[in-house]
């Protein structure tokens, strides 16, 4: 069960939404390789599973919304749940306008 579940509606077409999800996930992986160890994409590029030492997150985009589900691993990660939730929410809001 995920510790964090966030869904945001967006007004983008599906192709643009997929491109933005790719930029969001890949950009974060490039910026923070110490946190994000691996990202696996579905063949249709609508789902990304990102893993790291302290988390596993699934990001799914559709024509109308984007969803992030993150399982935090370890006591320290769970203690930072509020901060992580806020950070993910801001990233989604920035990349996926309503």
PDB file of N, CA and C in Angstrom:
ATOM      1  N   UNK A   1       0.840  -1.182   0.000  1.00  0.00           N
ATOM      2  CA  UNK A   1       0.000   0.000   0.000  1.00  0.00           C
ATOM      3  C   UNK A   1       0.880   1.238   0.000  1.00  0.00           C
ATOM      4  N   UNK A   2       0.517   2.216  -0.813  1.00  0.00           N
ATOM      5  CA  UNK A   2       1.299   3.439  -0.945  1.00  0.00           C
ATOM      6  C   UNK A   2       1.136   4.321   0.289  1.00  0.00           C
ATOM      7  N   UNK A   3       2.214   4.971   0.653  1.00  0.00           N
ATOM      8  CA  UNK A   3       2.181   5.947   1.738  1.00  0.00           C
ATOM      9  C   UNK A   3       1.650   7.286   1.239  1.00  0.00           C
ATOM     10  N   UNK A   4       1.883   7.561  -0.048  1.00  0.00           N
ATOM     11  CA  UNK A   4       1.465   8.826  -0.656  1.00  0.00           C
ATOM     12  C   UNK A   4       0.708   8.509  -1.940  1.00  0.00           C
ATOM     13  N   UNK A   5      -0.483   9.059  -2.079  1.00  0.00           N
ATOM     14  CA  UNK A   5      -1.285   8.947  -3.304  1.00  0.00           C
ATOM     15  C   UNK A   5      -1.760  10.341  -3.674  1.00  0.00           C
ATOM     16  N   UNK A   6      -1.360  10.803  -4.845  1.00  0.00           N
ATOM     17  CA  UNK A   6      -1.754  12.129  -5.313  1.00  0.00           C
ATOM     18  C   UNK A   6      -2.290  11.990  -6.736  1.00  0.00           C
ATOM     19  N   UNK A   7      -3.426  12.623  -6.986  1.00  0.00           N
ATOM     20  CA  UNK A   7      -3.996  12.670  -8.337  1.00  0.00           C
ATOM     21  C   UNK A   7      -4.263  14.121  -8.679  1.00  0.00           C
ATOM     22  N   UNK A   8      -3.853  14.505  -9.877  1.00  0.00           N
ATOM     23  CA  UNK A   8      -4.104  15.857 -10.363  1.00  0.00           C
ATOM     24  C   UNK A   8      -4.776  15.777 -11.728  1.00  0.00           C
ATOM     25  N   UNK A   9      -5.877  16.500 -11.883  1.00  0.00           N
ATOM     26  CA  UNK A   9      -6.513  16.624 -13.186  1.00  0.00           C
ATOM     27  C   UNK A   9      -5.673  17.590 -14.021  1.00  0.00           C
ATOM     28  N   UNK A  10      -5.670  17.375 -15.332  1.00  0.00           N
ATOM     29  CA  UNK A  10      -4.962  18.308 -16.215  1.00  0.00           C
ATOM     30  C   UNK A  10      -5.775  18.523 -17.477  1.00  0.00           C
ATOM     31  N   UNK A  11      -5.391  19.557 -18.221  1.00  0.00           N
ATOM     32  CA  UNK A  11      -6.117  19.924 -19.441  1.00  0.00           C
ATOM     33  C   UNK A  11      -5.292  19.668 -20.699  1.00  0.00           C
ATOM     34  N   UNK A  12      -4.281  18.837 -20.603  1.00  0.00           N
ATOM     35  CA  UNK A  12      -3.385  18.552 -21.727  1.00  0.00           C
ATOM     36  C   UNK A  12      -3.911  17.394 -22.571  1.00  0.00           C
ATOM     37  N   UNK A  13      -3.518  17.384 -23.850  1.00  0.00           N
ATOM     38  CA  UNK A  13      -3.840  16.191 -24.621  1.00  0.00           C
ATOM     39  C   UNK A  13      -2.896  15.073 -24.174  1.00  0.00           C
ATOM     40  N   UNK A  14      -3.238  13.862 -24.519  1.00  0.00           N
ATOM     41  CA  UNK A  14      -2.522  12.698 -23.999  1.00  0.00           C
ATOM     42  C   UNK A  14      -1.034  12.692 -24.370  1.00  0.00           C
ATOM     43  N   UNK A  15      -0.715  13.062 -25.600  1.00  0.00           N
ATOM     44  CA  UNK A  15       0.687  13.065 -26.041  1.00  0.00           C
ATOM     45  C   UNK A  15       1.504  14.085 -25.254  1.00  0.00           C
ATOM     46  N   UNK A  16       0.944  15.276 -25.049  1.00  0.00           N
ATOM     47  CA  UNK A  16       1.639  16.312 -24.275  1.00  0.00           C
ATOM     48  C   UNK A  16       1.793  15.870 -22.819  1.00  0.00           C
ATOM     49  N   UNK A  17       0.769  15.239 -22.280  1.00  0.00           N
ATOM     50  CA  UNK A  17       0.836  14.763 -20.896  1.00  0.00           C
ATOM     51  C   UNK A  17       1.928  13.701 -20.736  1.00  0.00           C
ATOM     52  N   UNK A  18       2.035  12.788 -21.699  1.00  0.00           N
ATOM     53  CA  UNK A  18       3.080  11.764 -21.656  1.00  0.00           C
ATOM     54  C   UNK A  18       4.465  12.414 -21.713  1.00  0.00           C
ATOM     55  N   UNK A  19       4.623  13.397 -22.580  1.00  0.00           N
ATOM     56  CA  UNK A  19       5.904  14.084 -22.720  1.00  0.00           C
ATOM     57  C   UNK A  19       6.282  14.800 -21.420  1.00  0.00           C
ATOM     58  N   UNK A  20       5.310  15.424 -20.790  1.00  0.00           N
ATOM     59  CA  UNK A  20       5.586  16.128 -19.535  1.00  0.00           C
ATOM     60  C   UNK A  20       5.917  15.169 -18.404  1.00  0.00           C
ATOM     61  N   UNK A  21       5.250  14.021 -18.378  1.00  0.00           N
ATOM     62  CA  UNK A  21       5.594  13.035 -17.356  1.00  0.00           C
ATOM     63  C   UNK A  21       7.026  12.555 -17.552  1.00  0.00           C
ATOM     64  N   UNK A  22       7.407  12.317 -18.789  1.00  0.00           N
ATOM     65  CA  UNK A  22       8.777  11.906 -19.089  1.00  0.00           C
ATOM     66  C   UNK A  22       9.770  12.961 -18.617  1.00  0.00           C
ATOM     67  N   UNK A  23       9.506  14.224 -18.925  1.00  0.00           N
ATOM     68  CA  UNK A  23      10.391  15.305 -18.495  1.00  0.00           C
ATOM     69  C   UNK A  23      10.463  15.393 -16.981  1.00  0.00           C
ATOM     70  N   UNK A  24       9.339  15.244 -16.317  1.00  0.00           N
ATOM     71  CA  UNK A  24       9.303  15.328 -14.859  1.00  0.00           C
ATOM     72  C   UNK A  24      10.145  14.218 -14.230  1.00  0.00           C
ATOM     73  N   UNK A  25       9.873  12.980 -14.608  1.00  0.00           N
ATOM     74  CA  UNK A  25      10.549  11.836 -13.990  1.00  0.00           C
ATOM     75  C   UNK A  25      12.025  11.800 -14.376  1.00  0.00           C
ATOM     76  N   UNK A  26      12.321  11.955 -15.667  1.00  0.00           N
ATOM     77  CA  UNK A  26      13.703  11.907 -16.126  1.00  0.00           C
ATOM     78  C   UNK A  26      14.494  13.092 -15.581  1.00  0.00           C
ATOM     79  N   UNK A  27      13.868  14.256 -15.550  1.00  0.00           N
ATOM     80  CA  UNK A  27      14.530  15.439 -15.002  1.00  0.00           C
ATOM     81  C   UNK A  27      14.893  15.268 -13.544  1.00  0.00           C
ATOM     82  N   UNK A  28      13.972  14.709 -12.758  1.00  0.00           N
ATOM     83  CA  UNK A  28      14.261  14.490 -11.343  1.00  0.00           C
ATOM     84  C   UNK A  28      15.352  13.445 -11.168  1.00  0.00           C
ATOM     85  N   UNK A  29      15.334  12.406 -11.982  1.00  0.00           N
ATOM     86  CA  UNK A  29      16.370  11.378 -11.907  1.00  0.00           C
ATOM     87  C   UNK A  29      17.742  11.987 -12.241  1.00  0.00           C
ATOM     88  N   UNK A  30      17.799  12.832 -13.252  1.00  0.00           N
ATOM     89  CA  UNK A  30      19.062  13.459 -13.628  1.00  0.00           C
ATOM     90  C   UNK A  30      19.549  14.446 -12.568  1.00  0.00           C
ATOM     91  N   UNK A  31      18.605  15.150 -11.942  1.00  0.00           N
ATOM     92  CA  UNK A  31      18.950  16.145 -10.928  1.00  0.00           C
ATOM     93  C   UNK A  31      19.357  15.491  -9.606  1.00  0.00           C
ATOM     94  N   UNK A  32      18.747  14.365  -9.292  1.00  0.00           N
ATOM     95  CA  UNK A  32      18.988  13.694  -8.000  1.00  0.00           C
ATOM     96  C   UNK A  32      19.307  12.203  -8.175  1.00  0.00           C
ATOM     97  N   UNK A  33      20.415  11.879  -8.852  1.00  0.00           N
ATOM     98  CA  UNK A  33      20.763  10.464  -9.042  1.00  0.00           C
ATOM     99  C   UNK A  33      21.063   9.752  -7.722  1.00  0.00           C
ATOM    100  N   UNK A  34      21.328  10.525  -6.677  1.00  0.00           N
ATOM    101  CA  UNK A  34      21.536   9.930  -5.360  1.00  0.00           C
ATOM    102  C   UNK A  34      20.237   9.373  -4.778  1.00  0.00           C
ATOM    103  N   UNK A  35      19.098   9.896  -5.226  1.00  0.00           N
ATOM    104  CA  UNK A  35      17.798   9.430  -4.732  1.00  0.00           C
ATOM    105  C   UNK A  35      17.128   8.436  -5.668  1.00  0.00           C
ATOM    106  N   UNK A  36      17.198   8.694  -6.976  1.00  0.00           N
ATOM    107  CA  UNK A  36      16.511   7.861  -7.963  1.00  0.00           C
ATOM    108  C   UNK A  36      17.528   6.945  -8.632  1.00  0.00           C
ATOM    109  N   UNK A  37      17.438   5.666  -8.317  1.00  0.00           N
ATOM    110  CA  UNK A  37      18.401   4.699  -8.849  1.00  0.00           C
ATOM    111  C   UNK A  37      17.998   4.159 -10.215  1.00  0.00           C
ATOM    112  N   UNK A  38      16.688   3.983 -10.431  1.00  0.00           N
ATOM    113  CA  UNK A  38      16.232   3.356 -11.675  1.00  0.00           C
ATOM    114  C   UNK A  38      14.823   3.812 -12.006  1.00  0.00           C
ATOM    115  N   UNK A  39      14.559   3.975 -13.298  1.00  0.00           N
ATOM    116  CA  UNK A  39      13.208   4.276 -13.777  1.00  0.00           C
ATOM    117  C   UNK A  39      12.894   3.290 -14.891  1.00  0.00           C
ATOM    118  N   UNK A  40      11.769   2.608 -14.763  1.00  0.00           N
ATOM    119  CA  UNK A  40      11.298   1.683 -15.800  1.00  0.00           C
ATOM    120  C   UNK A  40       9.992   2.228 -16.347  1.00  0.00           C
ATOM    121  N   UNK A  41       9.906   2.274 -17.683  1.00  0.00           N
ATOM    122  CA  UNK A  41       8.722   2.788 -18.361  1.00  0.00           C
ATOM    123  C   UNK A  41       7.920   1.655 -18.977  1.00  0.00           C
ATOM    124  N   UNK A  42       6.610   1.824 -19.010  1.00  0.00           N
ATOM    125  CA  UNK A  42       5.761   0.897 -19.754  1.00  0.00           C
ATOM    126  C   UNK A  42       6.007   1.142 -21.240  1.00  0.00           C
ATOM    127  N   UNK A  43       5.631   0.194 -22.060  1.00  0.00           N
ATOM    128  CA  UNK A  43       5.879   0.325 -23.496  1.00  0.00           C
ATOM    129  C   UNK A  43       5.120   1.499 -24.113  1.00  0.00           C
ATOM    130  N   UNK A  44       3.982   1.866 -23.537  1.00  0.00           N
ATOM    131  CA  UNK A  44       3.218   2.994 -24.073  1.00  0.00           C
ATOM    132  C   UNK A  44       3.636   4.336 -23.464  1.00  0.00           C
ATOM    133  N   UNK A  45       4.633   4.321 -22.574  1.00  0.00           N
ATOM    134  CA  UNK A  45       5.173   5.528 -21.921  1.00  0.00           C
ATOM    135  C   UNK A  45       4.130   6.265 -21.079  1.00  0.00           C
ATOM    136  N   UNK A  46       3.109   5.562 -20.618  1.00  0.00           N
ATOM    137  CA  UNK A  46       2.096   6.185 -19.771  1.00  0.00           C
ATOM    138  C   UNK A  46       2.333   5.899 -18.298  1.00  0.00           C
ATOM    139  N   UNK A  47       3.238   4.972 -18.006  1.00  0.00           N
ATOM    140  CA  UNK A  47       3.521   4.593 -16.626  1.00  0.00           C
ATOM    141  C   UNK A  47       5.021   4.502 -16.422  1.00  0.00           C
ATOM    142  N   UNK A  48       5.476   5.120 -15.329  1.00  0.00           N
ATOM    143  CA  UNK A  48       6.886   5.027 -14.944  1.00  0.00           C
ATOM    144  C   UNK A  48       6.950   4.519 -13.511  1.00  0.00           C
ATOM    145  N   UNK A  49       7.861   3.590 -13.266  1.00  0.00           N
ATOM    146  CA  UNK A  49       8.115   3.108 -11.914  1.00  0.00           C
ATOM    147  C   UNK A  49       9.536   3.529 -11.566  1.00  0.00           C
ATOM    148  N   UNK A  50       9.651   4.415 -10.592  1.00  0.00           N
ATOM    149  CA  UNK A  50      10.948   4.919 -10.157  1.00  0.00           C
ATOM    150  C   UNK A  50      11.285   4.285  -8.816  1.00  0.00           C
ATOM    151  N   UNK A  51      12.526   3.824  -8.683  1.00  0.00           N
ATOM    152  CA  UNK A  51      12.950   3.214  -7.424  1.00  0.00           C
ATOM    153  C   UNK A  51      14.227   3.870  -6.932  1.00  0.00           C
ATOM    154  N   UNK A  52      14.361   3.857  -5.641  1.00  0.00           N
ATOM    155  CA  UNK A  52      15.543   4.382  -4.982  1.00  0.00           C
ATOM    156  C   UNK A  52      15.718   3.675  -3.658  1.00  0.00           C
ATOM    157  N   UNK A  53      16.704   4.102  -2.916  1.00  0.00           N
ATOM    158  CA  UNK A  53      17.006   3.464  -1.636  1.00  0.00           C
ATOM    159  C   UNK A  53      15.854   3.599  -0.636  1.00  0.00           C
ATOM    160  N   UNK A  54      15.154   4.734  -0.691  1.00  0.00           N
ATOM    161  CA  UNK A  54      14.141   5.021   0.322  1.00  0.00           C
ATOM    162  C   UNK A  54      12.708   5.038  -0.196  1.00  0.00           C
ATOM    163  N   UNK A  55      12.499   4.654  -1.455  1.00  0.00           N
ATOM    164  CA  UNK A  55      11.137   4.726  -1.995  1.00  0.00           C
ATOM    165  C   UNK A  55      10.978   3.861  -3.241  1.00  0.00           C
ATOM    166  N   UNK A  56       9.715   3.639  -3.577  1.00  0.00           N
ATOM    167  CA  UNK A  56       9.322   3.136  -4.891  1.00  0.00           C
ATOM    168  C   UNK A  56       8.073   3.902  -5.283  1.00  0.00           C
ATOM    169  N   UNK A  57       8.119   4.539  -6.444  1.00  0.00           N
ATOM    170  CA  UNK A  57       7.004   5.363  -6.878  1.00  0.00           C
ATOM    171  C   UNK A  57       6.499   4.964  -8.241  1.00  0.00           C
ATOM    172  N   UNK A  58       5.190   5.017  -8.416  1.00  0.00           N
ATOM    173  CA  UNK A  58       4.561   4.743  -9.701  1.00  0.00           C
ATOM    174  C   UNK A  58       3.850   6.009 -10.143  1.00  0.00           C
ATOM    175  N   UNK A  59       4.122   6.405 -11.391  1.00  0.00           N
ATOM    176  CA  UNK A  59       3.539   7.613 -11.964  1.00  0.00           C
ATOM    177  C   UNK A  59       2.783   7.201 -13.216  1.00  0.00           C
ATOM    178  N   UNK A  60       1.507   7.563 -13.275  1.00  0.00           N
ATOM    179  CA  UNK A  60       0.642   7.145 -14.383  1.00  0.00           C
ATOM    180  C   UNK A  60      -0.058   8.380 -14.939  1.00  0.00           C
ATOM    181  N   UNK A  61      -0.010   8.520 -16.261  1.00  0.00           N
ATOM    182  CA  UNK A  61      -0.673   9.641 -16.909  1.00  0.00           C
ATOM    183  C   UNK A  61      -1.757   9.116 -17.842  1.00  0.00           C
ATOM    184  N   UNK A  62      -2.872   9.840 -17.894  1.00  0.00           N
ATOM    185  CA  UNK A  62      -3.952   9.528 -18.824  1.00  0.00           C
ATOM    186  C   UNK A  62      -4.398  10.837 -19.468  1.00  0.00           C
ATOM    187  N   UNK A  63      -5.423  10.766 -20.291  1.00  0.00           N
ATOM    188  CA  UNK A  63      -5.898  11.958 -20.995  1.00  0.00           C
ATOM    189  C   UNK A  63      -6.411  13.026 -20.036  1.00  0.00           C
ATOM    190  N   UNK A  64      -6.853  12.659 -18.854  1.00  0.00           N
ATOM    191  CA  UNK A  64      -7.456  13.635 -17.953  1.00  0.00           C
ATOM    192  C   UNK A  64      -6.762  13.865 -16.636  1.00  0.00           C
ATOM    193  N   UNK A  65      -5.845  12.966 -16.264  1.00  0.00           N
ATOM    194  CA  UNK A  65      -5.175  13.169 -14.978  1.00  0.00           C
ATOM    195  C   UNK A  65      -3.816  12.487 -14.928  1.00  0.00           C
ATOM    196  N   UNK A  66      -3.097  12.807 -13.877  1.00  0.00           N
ATOM    197  CA  UNK A  66      -1.806  12.188 -13.601  1.00  0.00           C
ATOM    198  C   UNK A  66      -1.849  11.743 -12.140  1.00  0.00           C
ATOM    199  N   UNK A  67      -1.304  10.543 -11.887  1.00  0.00           N
ATOM    200  CA  UNK A  67      -1.342   9.976 -10.539  1.00  0.00           C
ATOM    201  C   UNK A  67       0.067   9.606 -10.104  1.00  0.00           C
ATOM    202  N   UNK A  68       0.343   9.870  -8.844  1.00  0.00           N
ATOM    203  CA  UNK A  68       1.616   9.470  -8.243  1.00  0.00           C
ATOM    204  C   UNK A  68       1.302   8.669  -6.991  1.00  0.00           C
ATOM    205  N   UNK A  69       1.877   7.472  -6.907  1.00  0.00           N
ATOM    206  CA  UNK A  69       1.739   6.616  -5.725  1.00  0.00           C
ATOM    207  C   UNK A  69       3.149   6.254  -5.279  1.00  0.00           C
ATOM    208  N   UNK A  70       3.462   6.578  -4.031  1.00  0.00           N
ATOM    209  CA  UNK A  70       4.817   6.380  -3.545  1.00  0.00           C
ATOM    210  C   UNK A  70       4.791   5.598  -2.243  1.00  0.00           C
ATOM    211  N   UNK A  71       5.601   4.549  -2.208  1.00  0.00           N
ATOM    212  CA  UNK A  71       5.800   3.781  -0.981  1.00  0.00           C
ATOM    213  C   UNK A  71       7.146   4.207  -0.406  1.00  0.00           C
ATOM    214  N   UNK A  72       7.115   4.726   0.800  1.00  0.00           N
ATOM    215  CA  UNK A  72       8.337   5.150   1.477  1.00  0.00           C
ATOM    216  C   UNK A  72       8.914   3.973   2.245  1.00  0.00           C
ATOM    217  N   UNK A  73      10.230   3.813   2.168  1.00  0.00           N
ATOM    218  CA  UNK A  73      10.892   2.673   2.797  1.00  0.00           C
ATOM    219  C   UNK A  73      11.823   3.154   3.907  1.00  0.00           C
ATOM    220  N   UNK A  74      11.581   2.662   5.076  1.00  0.00           N
ATOM    221  CA  UNK A  74      12.428   3.011   6.209  1.00  0.00           C
ATOM    222  C   UNK A  74      11.823   4.108   7.067  1.00  0.00           C
ATOM    223  N   UNK A  75      12.246   4.123   8.301  1.00  0.00           N
ATOM    224  CA  UNK A  75      11.708   5.062   9.286  1.00  0.00           C
ATOM    225  C   UNK A  75      11.974   6.516   8.897  1.00  0.00           C
ATOM    226  N   UNK A  76      13.192   6.806   8.462  1.00  0.00           N
ATOM    227  CA  UNK A  76      13.552   8.184   8.107  1.00  0.00           C
ATOM    228  C   UNK A  76      12.696   8.693   6.952  1.00  0.00           C
ATOM    229  N   UNK A  77      12.476   7.864   5.955  1.00  0.00           N
ATOM    230  CA  UNK A  77      11.654   8.264   4.810  1.00  0.00           C
ATOM    231  C   UNK A  77      10.215   8.514   5.247  1.00  0.00           C
ATOM    232  N   UNK A  78       9.697   7.665   6.100  1.00  0.00           N
ATOM    233  CA  UNK A  78       8.320   7.832   6.567  1.00  0.00           C
ATOM    234  C   UNK A  78       8.175   9.107   7.407  1.00  0.00           C
ATOM    235  N   UNK A  79       9.227   9.486   8.113  1.00  0.00           N
ATOM    236  CA  UNK A  79       9.192  10.718   8.899  1.00  0.00           C
ATOM    237  C   UNK A  79       9.136  11.956   7.987  1.00  0.00           C
ATOM    238  N   UNK A  80       9.633  11.838   6.767  1.00  0.00           N
ATOM    239  CA  UNK A  80       9.642  12.947   5.819  1.00  0.00           C
ATOM    240  C   UNK A  80       8.426  12.939   4.900  1.00  0.00           C
ATOM    241  N   UNK A  81       7.408  12.162   5.234  1.00  0.00           N
ATOM    242  CA  UNK A  81       6.238  12.000   4.370  1.00  0.00           C
ATOM    243  C   UNK A  81       5.602  13.335   3.990  1.00  0.00           C
ATOM    244  N   UNK A  82       5.416  14.221   4.926  1.00  0.00           N
ATOM    245  CA  UNK A  82       4.792  15.513   4.645  1.00  0.00           C
ATOM    246  C   UNK A  82       5.584  16.321   3.642  1.00  0.00           C
ATOM    247  N   UNK A  83       6.891  16.372   3.824  1.00  0.00           N
ATOM    248  CA  UNK A  83       7.763  17.115   2.923  1.00  0.00           C
ATOM    249  C   UNK A  83       7.758  16.498   1.524  1.00  0.00           C
ATOM    250  N   UNK A  84       7.809  15.168   1.447  1.00  0.00           N
ATOM    251  CA  UNK A  84       7.807  14.473   0.159  1.00  0.00           C
ATOM    252  C   UNK A  84       6.472  14.691  -0.559  1.00  0.00           C
ATOM    253  N   UNK A  85       5.382  14.607   0.166  1.00  0.00           N
ATOM    254  CA  UNK A  85       4.058  14.828  -0.404  1.00  0.00           C
ATOM    255  C   UNK A  85       3.965  16.234  -0.992  1.00  0.00           C
ATOM    256  N   UNK A  86       4.424  17.202  -0.255  1.00  0.00           N
ATOM    257  CA  UNK A  86       4.397  18.595  -0.714  1.00  0.00           C
ATOM    258  C   UNK A  86       5.260  18.773  -1.970  1.00  0.00           C
ATOM    259  N   UNK A  87       6.437  18.189  -1.989  1.00  0.00           N
ATOM    260  CA  UNK A  87       7.342  18.309  -3.123  1.00  0.00           C
ATOM    261  C   UNK A  87       6.726  17.687  -4.383  1.00  0.00           C
ATOM    262  N   UNK A  88       6.175  16.494  -4.259  1.00  0.00           N
ATOM    263  CA  UNK A  88       5.547  15.829  -5.410  1.00  0.00           C
ATOM    264  C   UNK A  88       4.360  16.640  -5.898  1.00  0.00           C
ATOM    265  N   UNK A  89       3.551  17.140  -4.977  1.00  0.00           N
ATOM    266  CA  UNK A  89       2.395  17.957  -5.351  1.00  0.00           C
ATOM    267  C   UNK A  89       2.796  19.194  -6.137  1.00  0.00           C
ATOM    268  N   UNK A  90       3.852  19.879  -5.699  1.00  0.00           N
ATOM    269  CA  UNK A  90       4.326  21.070  -6.411  1.00  0.00           C
ATOM    270  C   UNK A  90       4.841  20.717  -7.800  1.00  0.00           C
ATOM    271  N   UNK A  91       5.565  19.607  -7.919  1.00  0.00           N
ATOM    272  CA  UNK A  91       6.081  19.186  -9.222  1.00  0.00           C
ATOM    273  C   UNK A  91       4.931  18.873 -10.178  1.00  0.00           C
ATOM    274  N   UNK A  92       3.920  18.174  -9.690  1.00  0.00           N
ATOM    275  CA  UNK A  92       2.770  17.844 -10.540  1.00  0.00           C
ATOM    276  C   UNK A  92       2.017  19.107 -10.945  1.00  0.00           C
ATOM    277  N   UNK A  93       1.826  20.023 -10.001  1.00  0.00           N
ATOM    278  CA  UNK A  93       1.127  21.268 -10.312  1.00  0.00           C
ATOM    279  C   UNK A  93       1.874  22.074 -11.373  1.00  0.00           C
ATOM    280  N   UNK A  94       3.194  22.088 -11.297  1.00  0.00           N
ATOM    281  CA  UNK A  94       4.010  22.856 -12.235  1.00  0.00           C
ATOM    282  C   UNK A  94       3.969  22.241 -13.650  1.00  0.00           C
ATOM    283  N   UNK A  95       4.017  20.921 -13.732  1.00  0.00           N
ATOM    284  CA  UNK A  95       4.073  20.255 -15.027  1.00  0.00           C
ATOM    285  C   UNK A  95       2.716  19.957 -15.652  1.00  0.00           C
ATOM    286  N   UNK A  96       1.661  19.930 -14.834  1.00  0.00           N
ATOM    287  CA  UNK A  96       0.336  19.546 -15.316  1.00  0.00           C
ATOM    288  C   UNK A  96      -0.716  20.572 -14.897  1.00  0.00           C
ATOM    289  N   UNK A  97      -0.848  21.657 -15.667  1.00  0.00           N
ATOM    290  CA  UNK A  97      -1.840  22.683 -15.311  1.00  0.00           C
ATOM    291  C   UNK A  97      -3.261  22.150 -15.462  1.00  0.00           C
ATOM    292  N   UNK A  98      -4.102  22.607 -14.571  1.00  0.00           N
ATOM    293  CA  UNK A  98      -5.520  22.174 -14.592  1.00  0.00           C
ATOM    294  C   UNK A  98      -6.279  22.805 -15.735  1.00  0.00           C
TER     295      UNK A  98
END
